[in-house]
Protein backbone atom coordinates (compact mmCIF):
# COMPACT_ATOMS: atom_id res chain seq x y z
CA MET A 1 -36.01 20.69 -7.78
CA ARG A 2 -33.11 20.33 -5.25
CA LEU A 3 -31.36 16.91 -5.42
CA PRO A 4 -30.31 15.03 -2.25
CA PRO A 5 -26.52 15.49 -1.52
CA LEU A 6 -25.29 12.17 -2.84
CA VAL A 7 -27.44 12.25 -5.92
CA ALA A 8 -26.43 15.85 -6.70
CA LEU A 9 -22.75 14.87 -6.38
CA VAL A 10 -23.12 11.96 -8.71
CA ALA A 11 -24.92 14.17 -11.12
CA ALA A 12 -22.13 16.68 -11.07
CA LEU A 13 -19.54 13.96 -11.66
CA ALA A 14 -21.55 13.22 -14.93
CA THR A 15 -21.55 16.72 -16.26
CA PRO A 16 -19.46 16.99 -19.34
CA ALA A 17 -16.63 19.56 -19.00
CA ALA A 18 -13.20 20.20 -20.40
CA ALA A 19 -10.42 17.81 -19.45
CA GLN A 20 -9.47 19.56 -16.25
CA THR A 21 -9.94 18.31 -12.86
CA ASP A 22 -12.24 20.54 -10.63
CA PRO A 23 -10.89 20.93 -7.14
CA GLN A 24 -14.31 21.56 -5.84
CA ARG A 25 -15.40 18.18 -7.24
CA LEU A 26 -12.59 16.48 -5.69
CA SER A 27 -13.59 18.02 -2.27
CA ASP A 28 -17.13 17.20 -2.60
CA THR A 29 -16.36 13.54 -3.21
CA VAL A 30 -13.96 13.27 -0.27
CA ARG A 31 -16.37 15.03 2.02
CA THR A 32 -19.06 12.30 0.95
CA LEU A 33 -16.89 9.31 1.19
CA ALA A 34 -15.31 10.55 4.43
CA SER A 35 -18.61 11.06 6.09
CA PRO A 36 -20.18 9.03 8.89
CA GLU A 37 -22.74 7.43 6.55
CA PHE A 38 -19.86 5.47 5.08
CA GLY A 39 -18.53 4.39 8.41
CA GLY A 40 -14.86 4.46 7.69
CA ARG A 41 -15.14 2.13 4.68
CA SER A 42 -13.76 -0.98 6.39
CA PRO A 43 -14.19 -4.32 4.35
CA GLY A 44 -16.96 -6.48 5.56
CA THR A 45 -18.84 -3.76 7.25
CA ALA A 46 -22.08 -1.93 6.53
CA GLY A 47 -19.85 0.89 5.41
CA GLU A 48 -18.36 -1.25 2.63
CA LYS A 49 -21.86 -1.84 1.26
CA THR A 50 -22.75 1.76 1.21
CA THR A 51 -19.40 2.50 -0.52
CA ILE A 52 -19.70 -0.17 -3.16
CA GLU A 53 -23.13 1.04 -4.13
CA TRP A 54 -22.32 4.74 -4.27
CA LEU A 55 -19.09 4.02 -6.34
CA SER A 56 -20.92 1.85 -8.67
CA GLY A 57 -23.40 4.52 -9.09
CA ALA A 58 -20.96 7.20 -9.64
CA PHE A 59 -19.54 5.09 -12.61
CA ARG A 60 -22.83 4.42 -13.97
CA LYS A 61 -23.88 8.01 -13.98
CA LEU A 62 -20.80 8.99 -15.74
CA GLY A 63 -21.61 6.66 -18.50
CA LEU A 64 -18.86 4.05 -18.22
CA GLU A 65 -19.41 0.24 -18.76
CA PRO A 66 -19.19 -2.26 -15.88
CA GLY A 67 -15.71 -3.62 -15.85
CA ALA A 68 -16.01 -6.85 -14.09
CA ALA A 69 -17.23 -10.28 -15.13
CA ASP A 70 -20.77 -10.88 -16.49
CA GLY A 71 -21.57 -7.17 -16.77
CA SER A 72 -21.01 -6.46 -13.23
CA TRP A 73 -19.51 -3.39 -11.54
CA VAL A 74 -17.62 -5.51 -8.79
CA GLN A 75 -15.04 -8.23 -8.70
CA ARG A 76 -15.83 -10.38 -5.69
CA VAL A 77 -12.82 -10.71 -3.50
CA PRO A 78 -13.09 -13.53 -0.81
CA LEU A 79 -11.31 -12.43 2.41
CA ILE A 80 -10.53 -13.96 5.82
CA HIS A 81 -11.06 -11.53 8.55
CA THR A 82 -9.38 -12.35 11.98
CA ARG A 83 -9.28 -10.64 15.46
CA ILE A 84 -7.02 -11.92 18.27
CA GLY A 85 -8.64 -11.81 21.60
CA ALA A 86 -7.37 -11.44 25.11
CA GLY A 87 -4.87 -13.86 25.83
CA THR A 88 -1.12 -14.20 26.94
CA ILE A 89 2.25 -13.53 25.06
CA SER A 90 5.58 -13.93 26.66
CA ALA A 91 9.20 -14.20 26.15
CA GLY A 92 11.24 -16.02 28.81
CA GLY A 93 8.32 -15.82 31.15
CA VAL A 94 8.05 -12.10 30.90
CA PRO A 95 4.67 -10.88 29.58
CA LEU A 96 4.67 -8.98 26.23
CA VAL A 97 1.69 -6.61 26.35
CA GLN A 98 -0.38 -6.38 23.15
CA GLY A 99 -0.56 -2.78 21.93
CA THR A 100 2.51 -1.65 23.97
CA ASP A 101 5.38 -4.19 23.52
CA VAL A 102 3.96 -6.17 20.64
CA SER A 103 1.37 -5.62 17.88
CA MET A 104 0.35 -9.19 16.88
CA THR A 105 -2.10 -10.39 14.37
CA THR A 106 -2.85 -13.54 12.39
CA VAL A 107 -4.12 -14.21 8.97
CA ARG A 108 -4.80 -17.95 9.46
CA GLY A 109 -8.31 -19.11 10.25
CA ASP A 110 -7.35 -21.14 13.23
CA ALA A 111 -9.65 -20.70 16.22
CA HIS A 112 -6.75 -20.68 18.64
CA ILE A 113 -2.89 -19.92 18.63
CA ALA A 114 -0.96 -22.06 20.99
CA ILE A 115 2.76 -21.63 20.91
CA LYS A 116 4.70 -23.11 23.96
CA ASP A 117 8.33 -22.41 24.67
CA ALA A 118 9.37 -22.05 21.15
CA PRO A 119 12.95 -21.04 20.49
CA ILE A 120 13.44 -17.38 19.47
CA VAL A 121 16.04 -16.86 16.57
CA PHE A 122 17.23 -13.66 15.47
CA VAL A 123 17.66 -13.49 11.80
CA GLY A 124 19.17 -10.13 11.24
CA TYR A 125 17.29 -8.53 8.40
CA GLY A 126 15.97 -12.06 7.23
CA VAL A 127 17.16 -11.49 3.61
CA SER A 128 17.57 -14.33 1.22
CA ALA A 129 18.95 -12.71 -2.09
CA PRO A 130 21.18 -14.84 -4.20
CA GLU A 131 21.33 -12.12 -6.84
CA ALA A 132 23.03 -9.81 -4.00
CA LYS A 133 25.14 -12.73 -2.69
CA TRP A 134 23.36 -12.39 0.66
CA ASP A 135 21.84 -14.96 2.83
CA ASP A 136 20.86 -14.32 6.42
CA PHE A 137 19.74 -17.69 7.31
CA LYS A 138 22.77 -19.69 6.28
CA GLY A 139 20.81 -23.03 6.23
CA VAL A 140 19.61 -22.79 9.78
CA ASP A 141 16.26 -24.53 10.32
CA VAL A 142 13.78 -22.22 11.87
CA ARG A 143 10.60 -24.50 11.56
CA GLY A 144 8.49 -24.18 14.58
CA LYS A 145 10.65 -21.39 15.95
CA VAL A 146 9.96 -17.57 16.20
CA VAL A 147 12.00 -15.48 13.93
CA VAL A 148 12.85 -12.04 14.88
CA PHE A 149 13.80 -9.52 12.01
CA LEU A 150 15.17 -6.03 11.79
CA VAL A 151 12.97 -3.84 9.42
CA ASN A 152 14.28 -2.32 6.20
CA ASP A 153 17.36 -3.64 4.12
CA PRO A 154 21.01 -4.51 5.45
CA ASP A 155 22.35 -1.32 3.75
CA PHE A 156 19.80 1.04 5.28
CA VAL A 157 22.31 2.50 7.83
CA ALA A 158 25.34 0.69 6.41
CA GLN A 159 28.65 2.54 7.01
CA PRO A 160 31.53 2.69 4.56
CA GLY A 161 33.64 -0.43 4.48
CA GLU A 162 30.65 -2.84 5.61
CA ASP A 163 29.69 -5.50 3.37
CA ALA A 164 25.92 -4.44 2.98
CA VAL A 165 27.05 -1.00 1.44
CA GLY A 166 25.42 -0.73 -1.97
CA ARG A 167 23.95 -4.24 -1.92
CA PHE A 168 20.19 -3.19 -1.71
CA GLY A 169 19.91 0.28 -3.31
CA GLY A 170 21.51 2.26 -0.38
CA ASN A 171 19.09 4.29 1.54
CA ARG A 172 16.29 3.45 -0.82
CA MET A 173 14.23 0.38 0.42
CA THR A 174 13.82 -2.70 -1.73
CA TYR A 175 11.13 -5.24 -1.35
CA TYR A 176 13.57 -7.19 1.00
CA GLY A 177 13.01 -4.37 3.46
CA ARG A 178 9.14 -4.56 3.57
CA TRP A 179 7.36 -6.32 6.31
CA THR A 180 5.45 -8.27 3.80
CA TYR A 181 8.58 -9.92 2.43
CA LYS A 182 9.78 -10.88 5.96
CA TYR A 183 6.39 -12.42 6.79
CA GLU A 184 6.44 -14.31 3.52
CA GLU A 185 10.01 -15.60 4.28
CA ALA A 186 9.05 -16.84 7.48
CA ALA A 187 6.05 -18.66 6.27
CA ARG A 188 8.20 -20.24 3.42
CA ARG A 189 10.65 -21.54 6.18
CA GLY A 190 7.93 -22.83 8.34
CA ALA A 191 8.41 -20.52 11.38
CA ALA A 192 5.73 -20.61 14.07
CA ALA A 193 5.72 -16.71 14.40
CA ALA A 194 7.49 -13.68 12.98
CA LEU A 195 8.41 -10.61 14.83
CA ILE A 196 9.78 -7.41 13.31
CA VAL A 197 11.60 -5.00 15.40
CA HIS A 198 10.06 -1.44 14.98
CA ASP A 199 12.09 1.46 14.34
CA THR A 200 10.30 4.64 13.11
CA ASP A 201 13.11 5.81 10.71
CA ALA A 202 13.66 2.32 9.28
CA ALA A 203 9.92 1.36 8.96
CA GLY A 204 8.98 4.80 7.78
CA TYR A 205 6.11 5.21 10.30
CA PRO A 206 5.74 5.44 14.11
CA TRP A 207 4.76 2.81 16.47
CA SER A 208 1.21 4.26 16.40
CA THR A 209 0.95 3.27 12.67
CA ALA A 210 2.52 -0.31 13.12
CA ASN A 211 0.03 -0.70 15.97
CA ALA A 212 -3.10 0.52 14.28
CA SER A 213 -4.50 -2.93 13.51
CA ASN A 214 -5.71 -3.40 17.32
CA GLY A 215 -5.34 -7.27 16.68
CA GLU A 216 -7.30 -7.21 13.62
CA ASN A 217 -6.17 -8.38 10.14
CA TYR A 218 -7.43 -9.58 6.81
CA ASP A 219 -6.06 -11.69 3.96
CA ILE A 220 -7.37 -13.10 0.69
CA VAL A 221 -8.48 -16.68 0.87
CA ARG A 222 -5.51 -18.62 -0.31
CA ALA A 223 -4.88 -22.01 -1.50
CA ALA A 224 -3.53 -24.65 0.90
CA ASP A 225 0.01 -24.59 -0.39
CA ASP A 226 0.10 -20.82 -0.04
CA ALA A 227 0.07 -20.81 3.85
CA ARG A 228 0.97 -17.77 6.10
CA VAL A 229 2.85 -17.80 9.22
CA PRO A 230 0.58 -18.65 12.14
CA LEU A 231 1.36 -15.35 14.19
CA GLN A 232 2.94 -12.17 12.99
CA GLY A 233 3.59 -8.62 14.10
CA TRP A 234 5.79 -5.95 15.48
CA LEU A 235 7.99 -5.97 18.45
CA SER A 236 8.56 -2.47 19.83
CA HIS A 237 11.97 -0.95 19.99
CA GLU A 238 12.01 -0.94 23.73
CA ALA A 239 10.59 -4.29 24.29
CA ALA A 240 13.36 -5.68 21.68
CA ASP A 241 16.14 -4.07 23.82
CA ARG A 242 14.71 -5.73 26.95
CA LEU A 243 14.50 -9.06 25.16
CA PHE A 244 17.89 -9.28 23.91
CA ALA A 245 19.41 -7.82 27.11
CA SER A 246 17.64 -10.64 29.04
CA ALA A 247 19.57 -13.08 26.81
CA GLY A 248 22.86 -11.20 27.61
CA LEU A 249 22.93 -9.69 24.07
CA ASP A 250 23.26 -6.09 22.83
CA LEU A 251 20.90 -5.45 20.12
CA ALA A 252 22.75 -2.38 19.10
CA ARG A 253 25.93 -4.47 18.36
CA LEU A 254 23.92 -7.06 16.65
CA ARG A 255 22.44 -4.49 14.29
CA VAL A 256 25.97 -3.80 13.04
CA ALA A 257 26.73 -7.49 12.85
CA ALA A 258 23.70 -8.03 10.72
CA ARG A 259 25.18 -5.74 8.03
CA SER A 260 27.79 -8.38 7.32
CA ALA A 261 27.47 -10.87 4.79
CA ALA A 262 28.97 -13.38 7.17
CA PHE A 263 26.18 -12.77 9.82
CA ARG A 264 24.57 -16.03 11.04
CA PRO A 265 21.22 -16.53 12.98
CA ILE A 266 21.52 -16.25 16.72
CA GLU A 267 19.16 -18.23 18.98
CA LEU A 268 18.17 -16.47 22.21
CA LYS A 269 17.92 -18.12 25.62
CA PRO A 270 14.42 -16.94 26.40
CA ARG A 271 11.50 -19.02 24.88
CA PHE A 272 8.52 -17.65 23.39
CA SER A 273 4.89 -18.63 24.31
CA ALA A 274 1.43 -17.40 23.23
CA ASP A 275 -1.99 -18.69 24.06
CA LEU A 276 -4.54 -16.49 22.07
CA PRO A 277 -8.14 -16.95 21.14
CA VAL A 278 -8.92 -15.90 17.41
CA LYS A 279 -12.18 -14.92 15.84
CA ALA A 280 -12.09 -15.76 12.39
CA GLU A 281 -14.64 -15.25 9.54
CA ARG A 282 -14.83 -15.61 5.85
CA ILE A 283 -16.29 -12.47 4.28
CA GLU A 284 -16.77 -11.31 0.65
CA SER A 285 -15.40 -7.86 -0.22
CA ALA A 286 -15.24 -6.30 -3.79
CA ASN A 287 -13.23 -4.20 -6.12
CA VAL A 288 -15.25 -1.80 -8.07
CA ILE A 289 -14.23 -1.91 -11.68
CA ALA A 290 -15.32 0.14 -14.64
CA ARG A 291 -14.16 0.59 -18.16
CA ILE A 292 -14.21 2.61 -21.45
CA PRO A 293 -13.83 0.12 -24.26
CA GLY A 294 -11.04 0.81 -26.72
CA ALA A 295 -11.82 1.54 -30.40
CA LYS A 296 -8.87 -0.17 -32.04
CA ARG A 297 -7.10 -2.26 -29.43
CA ALA A 298 -9.77 -3.36 -26.91
CA ASP A 299 -7.87 -6.20 -25.74
CA GLU A 300 -5.06 -3.92 -24.59
CA THR A 301 -5.66 -1.98 -21.47
CA VAL A 302 -4.40 1.13 -19.41
CA MET A 303 -5.39 1.00 -15.86
CA PHE A 304 -6.07 3.80 -13.33
CA GLY A 305 -6.34 2.71 -9.64
CA ALA A 306 -6.96 3.84 -6.07
CA HIS A 307 -8.23 2.12 -2.93
CA TRP A 308 -11.64 2.83 -1.55
CA ASP A 309 -11.13 1.23 1.92
CA ALA A 310 -9.96 2.87 5.24
CA TYR A 311 -9.72 1.65 8.78
CA GLY A 312 -13.32 1.86 9.94
CA GLU A 313 -14.10 2.08 13.71
CA GLY A 314 -11.25 1.82 16.15
CA PRO A 315 -10.49 2.29 19.89
CA PRO A 316 -11.38 5.99 20.95
CA ASP A 317 -8.62 8.52 20.52
CA ALA A 318 -7.95 11.09 23.24
CA SER A 319 -11.03 13.06 22.16
CA GLY A 320 -13.17 9.95 22.24
CA LYS A 321 -13.54 9.59 18.33
CA THR A 322 -13.64 6.16 16.99
CA LEU A 323 -14.26 6.64 13.22
CA ARG A 324 -11.08 6.65 10.95
CA PRO A 325 -12.65 8.10 8.00
CA GLY A 326 -9.52 8.06 5.63
CA ALA A 327 -10.35 11.31 3.89
CA ASN A 328 -6.93 11.63 2.23
CA ASP A 329 -6.09 8.02 2.50
CA ASP A 330 -7.57 7.29 0.06
CA ALA A 331 -10.99 8.90 -0.48
CA LEU A 332 -9.01 11.59 -2.32
CA GLY A 333 -7.29 9.10 -4.61
CA THR A 334 -10.77 7.57 -5.21
CA ALA A 335 -12.15 10.99 -6.11
CA GLY A 336 -9.26 11.28 -8.55
CA VAL A 337 -10.09 8.12 -10.37
CA LEU A 338 -13.62 9.21 -10.60
CA GLU A 339 -12.37 12.53 -12.21
CA LEU A 340 -10.18 10.65 -14.58
CA ALA A 341 -13.23 8.63 -15.57
CA ARG A 342 -15.26 11.70 -16.13
CA GLN A 343 -12.62 13.38 -18.24
CA PHE A 344 -11.93 10.19 -20.50
CA LYS A 345 -15.59 9.60 -21.06
CA ALA A 346 -15.80 13.27 -22.41
CA ALA A 347 -12.73 12.84 -24.56
CA PRO A 348 -12.64 10.93 -28.03
CA ARG A 349 -12.64 7.25 -27.60
CA PRO A 350 -9.20 5.87 -26.86
CA ASP A 351 -7.57 3.22 -28.92
CA ARG A 352 -7.06 1.01 -25.91
CA THR A 353 -9.56 -0.04 -23.27
CA LEU A 354 -9.30 2.13 -20.11
CA VAL A 355 -9.87 0.31 -16.78
CA PHE A 356 -10.81 2.22 -13.63
CA ALA A 357 -10.23 0.21 -10.58
CA LEU A 358 -11.15 0.93 -6.99
CA TRP A 359 -9.67 -1.71 -4.74
CA THR A 360 -10.63 -3.13 -1.28
CA GLY A 361 -8.36 -4.19 1.38
CA GLU A 362 -5.29 -1.94 0.72
CA GLU A 363 -4.86 -1.06 4.26
CA ARG A 364 -4.73 -4.58 5.17
CA GLY A 365 -2.01 -5.54 2.64
CA LEU A 366 -2.93 -4.68 -0.83
CA LEU A 367 -5.49 -7.35 -0.80
CA GLY A 368 -7.94 -6.26 -3.44
CA SER A 369 -5.27 -5.49 -5.94
CA GLU A 370 -3.58 -8.72 -5.02
CA TYR A 371 -6.60 -10.74 -5.73
CA TYR A 372 -7.03 -8.92 -9.13
CA ALA A 373 -3.52 -9.71 -9.91
CA ALA A 374 -3.88 -13.32 -9.21
CA HIS A 375 -7.31 -13.35 -11.01
CA PRO A 376 -6.98 -10.64 -13.70
CA LEU A 377 -9.99 -9.49 -15.60
CA TYR A 378 -7.87 -8.05 -18.41
CA PRO A 379 -4.53 -9.94 -19.31
CA LEU A 380 -1.67 -8.43 -17.50
CA ALA A 381 0.75 -9.11 -20.46
CA ARG A 382 -1.34 -6.62 -22.45
CA THR A 383 -1.88 -4.12 -19.82
CA ALA A 384 0.35 -1.22 -20.85
CA ALA A 385 0.53 0.55 -17.63
CA ASN A 386 -0.95 1.15 -14.35
CA LEU A 387 -1.33 4.50 -12.72
CA THR A 388 -1.95 4.69 -9.08
CA LEU A 389 -3.34 7.38 -6.80
CA ASP A 390 -2.86 6.95 -3.16
CA ILE A 391 -2.70 10.12 -0.95
CA LEU A 392 -2.35 13.63 -2.67
CA GLN A 393 -1.45 16.77 -1.08
CA THR A 394 -3.97 19.37 0.10
CA GLY A 395 -1.63 22.22 0.63
CA GLY A 396 -2.35 23.93 -2.69
CA PRO A 397 -0.70 24.34 -6.14
CA ALA A 398 2.95 23.07 -6.47
CA LYS A 399 5.90 23.94 -8.56
CA ASP A 400 6.88 20.28 -8.62
CA VAL A 401 5.66 16.74 -8.57
CA VAL A 402 7.26 14.30 -6.13
CA LEU A 403 8.13 11.00 -7.95
CA VAL A 404 8.06 7.97 -6.05
CA GLY A 405 10.46 5.11 -7.36
CA ALA A 406 12.38 7.39 -9.76
CA GLY A 407 14.23 5.49 -12.41
CA ASN A 408 12.09 2.36 -12.41
CA SER A 409 10.50 2.62 -15.85
CA SER A 410 10.09 4.89 -18.90
CA LEU A 411 6.82 6.18 -17.29
CA ASP A 412 9.07 8.66 -15.72
CA THR A 413 9.61 10.42 -19.01
CA LEU A 414 5.87 10.58 -19.60
CA LEU A 415 5.27 12.10 -16.32
CA GLY A 416 8.04 14.62 -16.84
CA ASP A 417 6.43 15.58 -20.22
CA ALA A 418 3.05 16.18 -18.41
CA ALA A 419 4.53 18.05 -15.46
CA LYS A 420 6.43 20.36 -17.85
CA ALA A 421 3.20 21.05 -19.79
CA GLN A 422 2.02 22.36 -16.36
CA GLY A 423 5.05 24.38 -15.73
CA ARG A 424 6.24 21.90 -13.06
CA VAL A 425 9.27 19.89 -12.61
CA ILE A 426 9.98 16.43 -11.04
CA THR A 427 11.55 16.11 -7.79
CA PRO A 428 12.71 12.49 -6.73
CA GLU A 429 11.26 11.37 -3.32
CA SER A 430 13.24 12.47 -0.41
CA ALA A 431 12.03 9.46 1.71
CA SER A 432 13.00 6.46 -0.35
CA GLU A 433 13.89 4.58 2.79
CA ARG A 434 10.18 4.36 3.39
CA GLY A 435 9.68 1.91 0.45
CA LEU A 436 6.71 3.65 -0.83
CA PHE A 437 7.05 2.12 -4.18
CA TYR A 438 6.36 -1.35 -2.52
CA ARG A 439 3.40 0.02 -0.38
CA ALA A 440 0.48 0.84 -2.70
CA ASP A 441 -1.78 -1.13 -4.89
CA HIS A 442 0.07 -0.84 -8.07
CA PHE A 443 2.75 -3.01 -6.70
CA SER A 444 0.49 -6.17 -6.92
CA VAL A 445 0.71 -5.89 -10.75
CA VAL A 446 4.27 -4.50 -10.74
CA ARG A 447 5.21 -8.08 -9.35
CA ARG A 448 3.67 -9.55 -12.35
CA GLY A 449 5.69 -7.22 -14.53
CA VAL A 450 3.22 -4.37 -15.48
CA PRO A 451 5.00 -1.01 -15.59
CA SER A 452 3.49 1.22 -13.06
CA LEU A 453 3.67 4.72 -11.49
CA LEU A 454 2.49 6.00 -8.27
CA LEU A 455 1.63 9.43 -7.01
CA MET A 456 1.83 9.52 -3.25
CA ALA A 457 2.28 12.78 -1.32
CA LEU A 458 4.31 10.84 1.37
CA GLY A 459 7.21 10.80 -0.89
CA GLY A 460 8.49 14.14 0.41
CA ALA A 461 7.43 17.89 0.82
CA PRO A 462 6.02 19.52 -2.04
CA ASP A 463 7.47 22.79 -3.33
CA LEU A 464 4.24 24.81 -2.81
CA LYS A 465 3.68 27.96 -4.79
CA ALA A 466 2.69 29.71 -1.64
CA GLY A 467 5.53 29.13 0.82
CA GLY A 468 7.78 26.87 -1.04
CA ARG A 469 9.26 23.78 0.35
CA GLU A 470 9.05 24.96 3.96
CA ALA A 471 5.32 25.26 3.57
CA GLY A 472 5.22 21.88 1.82
CA GLN A 473 7.07 20.40 4.74
CA LYS A 474 4.69 21.87 7.20
CA TRP A 475 1.72 20.47 5.22
CA LEU A 476 3.41 16.90 5.36
CA ASP A 477 4.11 17.03 8.95
CA GLY A 478 0.53 17.97 9.59
CA TYR A 479 -0.91 15.26 7.52
CA MET A 480 1.66 12.66 9.04
CA ALA A 481 0.31 13.49 12.54
CA CYS A 482 -3.13 12.21 11.29
CA TYR A 483 -2.01 9.20 9.10
CA HIS A 484 -4.46 6.40 9.77
CA LYS A 485 -5.93 8.21 12.59
CA THR A 486 -9.44 9.76 13.41
CA CYS A 487 -8.21 13.17 12.27
CA ASP A 488 -7.71 12.11 8.52
CA ALA A 489 -11.22 13.78 8.07
CA TRP A 490 -12.35 16.24 5.41
CA SER A 491 -11.66 19.89 6.27
CA SER A 492 -12.88 23.23 4.63
CA ASP A 493 -9.12 24.33 5.18
CA TRP A 494 -7.97 21.82 2.55
CA ASN A 495 -6.74 23.23 -0.71
CA PHE A 496 -7.59 20.67 -3.34
CA THR A 497 -5.97 22.60 -6.30
CA GLY A 498 -2.61 20.77 -5.92
CA ALA A 499 -4.31 17.44 -5.93
CA ALA A 500 -6.24 18.50 -9.12
CA GLN A 501 -2.85 19.16 -10.72
CA ASP A 502 -1.64 15.71 -10.03
CA VAL A 503 -4.84 14.09 -11.39
CA ASP A 504 -4.47 16.06 -14.46
CA LEU A 505 -0.99 14.71 -14.97
CA PHE A 506 -2.48 11.20 -15.09
CA PHE A 507 -5.02 12.33 -17.58
CA ALA A 508 -2.26 13.56 -19.85
CA MET A 509 -0.18 10.54 -19.32
CA GLY A 510 -3.23 8.40 -19.94
CA ARG A 511 -3.90 9.96 -23.27
CA GLN A 512 -0.50 8.94 -24.51
CA LEU A 513 -0.71 5.54 -23.01
CA SER A 514 -4.19 4.86 -24.58
CA LYS A 515 -2.56 5.12 -28.00
CA ALA A 516 -1.89 1.92 -29.77
CA GLY A 517 1.89 0.76 -30.00
CA VAL A 518 2.95 2.67 -26.79
CA TRP A 519 4.52 -0.03 -24.44
CA PRO A 520 6.36 1.42 -21.34
CA ARG A 521 9.45 -0.28 -20.59
CA TRP A 522 11.21 -1.23 -17.28
CA SER A 523 14.69 0.26 -16.74
CA ALA A 524 17.63 -2.16 -17.44
CA GLY A 525 18.58 -3.70 -14.18
CA SER A 526 15.00 -3.49 -12.81
CA GLU A 527 13.81 -6.68 -10.56
CA PHE A 528 10.57 -6.47 -12.74
CA LEU A 529 12.15 -6.48 -16.17
CA ALA A 530 12.65 -10.25 -16.37
CA VAL A 531 8.99 -11.26 -15.68
CA ARG A 532 7.82 -8.64 -18.10
CA ASN A 533 10.09 -10.01 -20.73
CA GLN A 534 8.51 -13.43 -20.28
CA SER A 535 5.24 -12.21 -21.93
CA ALA A 536 6.83 -10.18 -24.61
CA THR A 537 5.25 -12.00 -27.48
CA GLU A 538 1.77 -11.30 -26.35
CA ARG A 539 2.36 -7.63 -26.95
CA ARG A 540 2.12 -6.22 -30.45
């Protein structure tokens, strides 16, 4: 009897096999999850329902146990979903066009945003870091004002002799450089709105990516004392230049001034106004969680994760396509987690409990993983490590593995051992200025002290066995042209062998981490070491 495609694929996943990832299984899973039936896997849509049911069924067929509360496969994640409607945004009376000059969203549930003639304050990089002896605010009150930030850190392009040199990791982005930090800082200080000046090099992605939201946003439902800024978004480089010029200021000169510890906020003459309707709704999304209980230390866990969500339907592209299927980002990571579950289920029972987490809302700000980190199903203090897959290369087998966030923890050593066993070497990421370590789901538990490692192909061109680094760069450039777009779709031209290699690295690491007594450590000087140390007595 010939099984229907989805049933056949789940059955294939459940077939016992040697602990080696099958590239064809990866391809089949990606092709399924990126198909029109799944609707682009956006939270709160029919595509989510299809996705959750399919993933839960896949784990069930693999023989895993439900990993959420009360014997469920899902951890419910309450979200707020917002979309800004047609309205007006202006600075100094000059309209700012949504999608061209600005890309604005809100994560508040207010039905209307009304900001009238609010002062605009340029706060440089907006960094408040006592440990680095850096404060861009200098006590200036920005309550009710619109704060404008530069993206990335003060030392991103700092020149020799400037104060910022070496304060924030050099060319490597820290959390202070991330847009999430800047929005959070604006909210903490009571700002009415936050605008980040977009620059492709400093942000790590083009305007088309920053503008991908189309006025739509999501957030987890938060407590009243954890409010977000009412209006947030990006200001295009060109619009920023015009805005500052209208105030008699040269933004290029101010970029240099912002790299000085003596920088003080500057209030611009133009005032900011916005009159925007907002459609807001509460929705319930879900993380899909499965587990393999530990035989000796069931109260200790090792976590493997990826995100199941993508961008769903969007505005038509040049060819009229609207579905953004997220085949590599991150149906491929999801397929990898399913492969890990298959392999570990076929292996001897681990000492520790293995948790396989497929997150919602990553594309909207790491929301599913953040909800889990705030409401953990397994104690974070006794979570030995988190290993996350988010975008793997499909150019073919590689001679190396690109390591994002090199030097953060002792997990680097485990990865190096696993890579050596494959005849590969570690190459540190070449694009550390993109802040990739702070842009994937593992970061939600990293902030709570859990040592974590991310495999993400955006960290640099792989050294492919066929064609070397040049071929790897060609693959990377081609993928980036489709990042978050309709063309991130499954293709028969993709070579999943390299992705399978990377999944096998995590299997090898997981085997070591699943053993009792193995506790990865943050490196000395890590910003996450102190929070991990606070729970040291809970680990045996």
